Amino acid sequence: MNFKLIRVRDLILVNDRGEVVDGNWPVNAAAFAIHSQIHAARPDVVAAAHAHSVYGKAWSSLRRQLDPLTQDSCAFYGDHGLYGDYTGAVLDLEEGKRIASALGGNKAVILSNHGLLTVGQTSVDEAAWWFITMERTCQAQLLAEAAGSPVLIDAHYAEKTAGQAGPPMAGWRAFQPLYEWIVKASGPSMRRSCVWKRGRRPLPMHRASSERGCPTARTSPLRSGGLPTSDRRDGRAPRALGGRRPAAGSSGARDQARNPL
């Protein structure tokens, strides 16, 4: 299915054995081999993003980590790994484990001759934004090196900028304008059927509702003082989408009481 046609109702929920527990599509074996081992190795990760994007693929063929050339690239300074092997499509769980090892405690890993993979510790939004900005960072470095010999940002300032541009909430925040644009561009049917709104403004996509497959989020961590919250009745976060339960009396708790799933 083309990415532009995918809706949340087309997604599937898979357990740690690769069995579909919700949804009607088959499991992508390569996706499971990678993502399952990422989550097994990194219980702090609530979402992982991976695609074969053009600039990420091109950069991965160089088998190099990204340099601190721009302010945006500093988000990955000292915070991305390199998986320096390629043996074909990843269908073996053992190779998934090696990719997870190459990721380590970082927010991203470059898969040689393959592409990019990013993770989010707070939300789907965060993982998605790190992937988008890493793809653009690959593009920027390819262009800079094609034009000449780019000058790297000094290590001290690269580390300082990483602390400003690289925290998890920075990734979540940067994704919000893009999410709102996606919702608006998708037309009124999506806004009516798939987005929980407070007033006239769509809320950010921290989680996906299991009910009718609609993206939903009922509280902003910036407003409630907490991280994105879970839709599960027991308050625990689904591994792929999670967060933490809102504190009693917070806007998230009030919204969950009004809109239980």
Protein backbone atom coordinates (compact mmCIF):
# COMPACT_ATOMS: atom_id res chain seq x y z
CA MET A 1 0.00 0.00 0.00
CA ASN A 2 1.32 3.45 -0.88
CA PHE A 3 2.26 5.51 2.17
CA LYS A 4 -0.07 8.30 1.02
CA LEU A 5 -3.06 5.94 1.24
CA ILE A 6 -2.30 4.49 4.67
CA ARG A 7 -4.68 5.34 7.50
CA VAL A 8 -4.46 4.30 11.14
CA ARG A 9 -7.14 1.68 10.46
CA ASP A 10 -4.62 -0.02 8.16
CA LEU A 11 -2.04 -0.50 10.93
CA ILE A 12 -1.66 -3.74 12.84
CA LEU A 13 -0.77 -4.52 16.45
CA VAL A 14 1.77 -7.31 16.81
CA ASN A 15 2.93 -9.06 19.96
CA ASP A 16 6.54 -9.93 20.80
CA ARG A 17 6.20 -13.27 18.99
CA GLY A 18 5.23 -11.66 15.69
CA GLU A 19 1.55 -12.60 15.96
CA VAL A 20 -1.10 -10.11 14.83
CA VAL A 21 -3.40 -9.33 17.74
CA ASP A 22 -5.29 -6.47 16.10
CA GLY A 23 -5.72 -5.65 12.42
CA ASN A 24 -6.19 -7.49 9.15
CA TRP A 25 -2.86 -7.24 7.34
CA PRO A 26 0.04 -9.75 7.43
CA VAL A 27 3.23 -9.02 9.35
CA ASN A 28 6.19 -7.56 7.49
CA ALA A 29 8.86 -10.05 8.55
CA ALA A 30 11.78 -7.66 8.06
CA ALA A 31 10.04 -4.91 10.00
CA PHE A 32 9.34 -7.29 12.87
CA ALA A 33 12.92 -8.59 12.93
CA ILE A 34 14.21 -5.04 13.40
CA HIS A 35 11.54 -3.32 15.49
CA SER A 36 10.94 -6.19 17.91
CA GLN A 37 14.61 -6.30 18.83
CA ILE A 38 14.80 -2.52 19.22
CA HIS A 39 11.97 -2.63 21.75
CA ALA A 40 13.46 -5.68 23.49
CA ALA A 41 16.82 -3.95 23.91
CA ARG A 42 15.41 -0.49 24.67
CA PRO A 43 12.38 -0.66 26.99
CA ASP A 44 12.53 3.14 27.24
CA VAL A 45 11.63 3.44 23.55
CA VAL A 46 7.94 3.86 22.74
CA ALA A 47 8.25 4.22 18.94
CA ALA A 48 10.74 3.52 16.17
CA ALA A 49 10.69 4.97 12.66
CA HIS A 50 12.36 3.39 9.64
CA ALA A 51 11.95 3.89 5.90
CA HIS A 52 14.08 3.70 2.78
CA SER A 53 14.22 7.45 2.17
CA VAL A 54 16.29 8.78 -0.74
CA TYR A 55 18.92 10.85 1.08
CA GLY A 56 19.16 8.43 3.99
CA LYS A 57 19.83 5.57 1.58
CA ALA A 58 22.42 7.60 -0.31
CA TRP A 59 24.24 8.65 2.85
CA SER A 60 24.13 5.13 4.32
CA SER A 61 26.13 3.84 1.34
CA LEU A 62 29.09 5.92 2.59
CA ARG A 63 29.04 3.99 5.87
CA ARG A 64 29.80 7.12 7.88
CA GLN A 65 28.21 8.95 10.74
CA LEU A 66 26.88 12.44 10.17
CA ASP A 67 29.07 15.46 10.93
CA PRO A 68 28.00 18.54 12.92
CA LEU A 69 27.65 20.82 9.89
CA THR A 70 24.46 22.65 10.83
CA GLN A 71 22.37 23.50 13.86
CA ASP A 72 19.90 20.79 12.92
CA SER A 73 22.59 18.15 12.50
CA CYS A 74 23.78 18.84 16.05
CA ALA A 75 20.64 17.09 17.33
CA PHE A 76 22.47 13.89 16.39
CA TYR A 77 25.90 14.89 17.64
CA GLY A 78 27.15 12.04 19.82
CA ASP A 79 23.66 10.57 19.64
CA HIS A 80 23.55 8.27 16.61
CA GLY A 81 25.17 4.97 15.79
CA LEU A 82 26.32 3.18 12.64
CA TYR A 83 25.47 -0.38 11.70
CA GLY A 84 28.40 -1.13 9.40
CA ASP A 85 27.21 -4.33 7.74
CA TYR A 86 24.77 -5.29 5.01
CA THR A 87 23.75 -8.89 4.29
CA GLY A 88 20.40 -8.43 2.55
CA ALA A 89 16.89 -7.92 3.85
CA VAL A 90 16.77 -8.25 7.64
CA LEU A 91 14.76 -11.43 8.24
CA ASP A 92 16.84 -12.89 11.06
CA LEU A 93 16.15 -11.86 14.65
CA GLU A 94 19.88 -12.14 15.38
CA GLU A 95 20.57 -9.39 12.86
CA GLY A 96 17.81 -7.35 14.48
CA LYS A 97 19.70 -7.73 17.74
CA ARG A 98 22.92 -6.49 16.11
CA ILE A 99 21.08 -3.43 14.78
CA ALA A 100 19.72 -2.77 18.28
CA SER A 101 23.26 -3.07 19.61
CA ALA A 102 24.49 -0.53 17.03
CA LEU A 103 21.70 1.83 18.08
CA GLY A 104 22.79 1.53 21.70
CA GLY A 105 21.38 4.30 23.86
CA ASN A 106 21.16 6.74 20.94
CA LYS A 107 18.16 8.30 19.22
CA ALA A 108 19.16 7.05 15.75
CA VAL A 109 21.29 4.61 13.79
CA ILE A 110 22.47 4.61 10.18
CA LEU A 111 22.01 1.18 8.57
CA SER A 112 24.74 0.78 5.97
CA ASN A 113 23.47 0.50 2.38
CA HIS A 114 19.95 0.45 3.80
CA GLY A 115 18.72 3.68 5.39
CA LEU A 116 17.93 5.40 8.67
CA LEU A 117 16.21 4.33 11.89
CA THR A 118 15.18 6.66 14.69
CA VAL A 119 13.47 6.15 18.04
CA GLY A 120 11.31 8.21 20.36
CA GLN A 121 11.26 7.98 24.14
CA THR A 122 8.10 10.05 24.62
CA SER A 123 5.87 9.58 21.58
CA VAL A 124 5.39 8.58 17.98
CA ASP A 125 5.75 12.28 17.18
CA GLU A 126 9.30 12.36 18.50
CA ALA A 127 10.45 9.30 16.54
CA ALA A 128 8.84 10.68 13.37
CA TRP A 129 10.50 14.08 13.74
CA TRP A 130 13.96 12.63 14.33
CA PHE A 131 13.55 10.60 11.16
CA ILE A 132 12.40 13.60 9.12
CA THR A 133 15.17 15.89 10.33
CA MET A 134 17.81 13.16 9.98
CA GLU A 135 16.77 12.63 6.37
CA ARG A 136 17.10 16.38 5.77
CA THR A 137 20.47 16.36 7.53
CA CYS A 138 21.70 13.66 5.17
CA GLN A 139 20.51 15.78 2.26
CA ALA A 140 22.28 18.86 3.61
CA GLN A 141 25.59 17.05 4.11
CA LEU A 142 25.46 15.45 0.66
CA LEU A 143 24.86 18.88 -0.89
CA ALA A 144 27.59 20.53 1.19
CA GLU A 145 30.19 17.90 0.33
CA ALA A 146 29.23 18.04 -3.35
CA ALA A 147 29.80 21.81 -3.29
CA GLY A 148 33.16 21.78 -1.54
CA SER A 149 34.75 21.12 1.85
CA PRO A 150 32.26 22.04 4.58
CA VAL A 151 33.52 23.45 7.88
CA LEU A 152 32.42 21.49 10.94
CA ILE A 153 30.98 23.15 14.01
CA ASP A 154 33.45 23.15 16.89
CA ALA A 155 32.95 20.14 19.18
CA HIS A 156 32.19 22.33 22.22
CA TYR A 157 29.43 24.21 20.43
CA ALA A 158 28.13 21.08 18.72
CA GLU A 159 27.67 19.48 22.14
CA LYS A 160 26.01 22.62 23.48
CA THR A 161 23.62 22.74 20.52
CA ALA A 162 22.85 19.03 20.94
CA GLY A 163 21.60 19.85 24.43
CA GLN A 164 19.30 22.48 22.95
CA ALA A 165 18.04 20.75 19.79
CA GLY A 166 18.31 17.10 20.77
CA PRO A 167 16.19 16.41 23.89
CA PRO A 168 13.09 14.21 23.45
CA MET A 169 10.63 17.05 24.00
CA ALA A 170 12.39 19.13 21.34
CA GLY A 171 11.57 16.38 18.86
CA TRP A 172 7.96 16.19 20.01
CA ARG A 173 7.53 19.96 19.79
CA ALA A 174 9.08 20.26 16.34
CA PHE A 175 6.63 17.71 14.91
CA GLN A 176 3.47 19.55 16.01
CA PRO A 177 3.24 22.11 13.13
CA LEU A 178 3.75 19.29 10.62
CA TYR A 179 1.04 17.18 12.26
CA GLU A 180 -1.43 20.05 12.18
CA TRP A 181 -0.62 20.63 8.50
CA ILE A 182 -1.16 16.91 7.75
CA VAL A 183 -4.54 16.96 9.46
CA LYS A 184 -5.63 20.07 7.58
CA ALA A 185 -4.34 18.83 4.23
CA SER A 186 -6.12 15.50 4.70
CA GLY A 187 -9.51 17.17 4.44
CA PRO A 188 -12.61 17.47 6.61
CA SER A 189 -13.35 13.74 6.73
CA MET A 190 -10.20 13.05 8.73
CA ARG A 191 -10.77 16.04 10.99
CA ARG A 192 -14.33 14.90 11.70
CA SER A 193 -13.73 11.19 12.17
CA CYS A 194 -10.16 10.80 13.35
CA VAL A 195 -9.01 13.78 15.40
CA TRP A 196 -10.02 14.61 18.93
CA LYS A 197 -10.19 18.38 19.20
CA ARG A 198 -10.15 20.87 22.02
CA GLY A 199 -12.00 23.86 20.62
CA ARG A 200 -11.01 24.27 16.97
CA ARG A 201 -7.40 23.11 17.23
CA PRO A 202 -6.44 19.46 16.53
CA LEU A 203 -4.41 17.96 19.32
CA PRO A 204 -0.96 16.39 18.76
CA MET A 205 -0.57 12.75 17.79
CA HIS A 206 0.98 11.06 20.81
CA ARG A 207 -0.98 7.88 20.44
CA ALA A 208 -3.35 6.07 18.14
CA SER A 209 -6.83 5.12 19.26
CA SER A 210 -7.64 1.43 18.99
CA GLU A 211 -11.23 2.44 18.40
CA ARG A 212 -11.92 2.85 14.67
CA GLY A 213 -8.24 3.46 14.01
CA CYS A 214 -8.20 7.23 14.46
CA PRO A 215 -5.14 9.24 15.53
CA THR A 216 -5.87 10.86 18.82
CA ALA A 217 -4.28 12.69 21.67
CA ARG A 218 -6.11 14.30 24.50
CA THR A 219 -3.47 16.36 26.18
CA SER A 220 -0.33 18.21 25.34
CA PRO A 221 2.63 17.45 27.64
CA LEU A 222 3.45 21.14 27.54
CA ARG A 223 0.01 22.00 28.89
CA SER A 224 -0.45 19.17 31.36
CA GLY A 225 3.10 19.04 32.69
CA GLY A 226 3.43 15.35 31.83
CA LEU A 227 4.56 13.19 28.94
CA PRO A 228 2.10 11.80 26.38
CA THR A 229 -0.31 9.46 28.09
CA SER A 230 -1.57 5.98 27.36
CA ASP A 231 -4.98 5.04 25.96
CA ARG A 232 -5.03 1.73 27.81
CA ARG A 233 -7.54 1.35 30.61
CA ASP A 234 -4.83 0.13 32.98
CA GLY A 235 -2.79 3.27 32.27
CA ARG A 236 0.27 1.39 31.03
CA ALA A 237 1.75 2.52 27.76
CA PRO A 238 1.56 0.29 24.67
CA ARG A 239 5.17 -0.39 23.74
CA ALA A 240 4.90 1.19 20.30
CA LEU A 241 2.97 4.28 21.29
CA GLY A 242 3.08 4.82 25.05
CA GLY A 243 3.72 7.40 27.68
CA ARG A 244 2.66 7.72 31.29
CA ARG A 245 -0.66 8.10 33.01
CA PRO A 246 -1.65 11.72 33.67
CA ALA A 247 -1.64 12.88 37.25
CA ALA A 248 -5.02 13.11 38.96
CA GLY A 249 -6.56 16.50 38.37
CA SER A 250 -4.44 17.20 35.27
CA SER A 251 -6.04 18.16 31.97
CA GLY A 252 -5.07 14.72 30.63
CA ALA A 253 -6.87 12.94 33.47
CA ARG A 254 -9.98 15.07 32.94
CA ASP A 255 -9.93 14.39 29.21
CA GLN A 256 -9.56 10.64 29.77
CA ALA A 257 -12.53 10.70 32.10
CA ARG A 258 -14.61 12.50 29.46
CA ASN A 259 -13.45 10.29 26.58
CA PRO A 260 -12.66 6.78 27.93
CA LEU A 261 -11.72 4.12 25.40
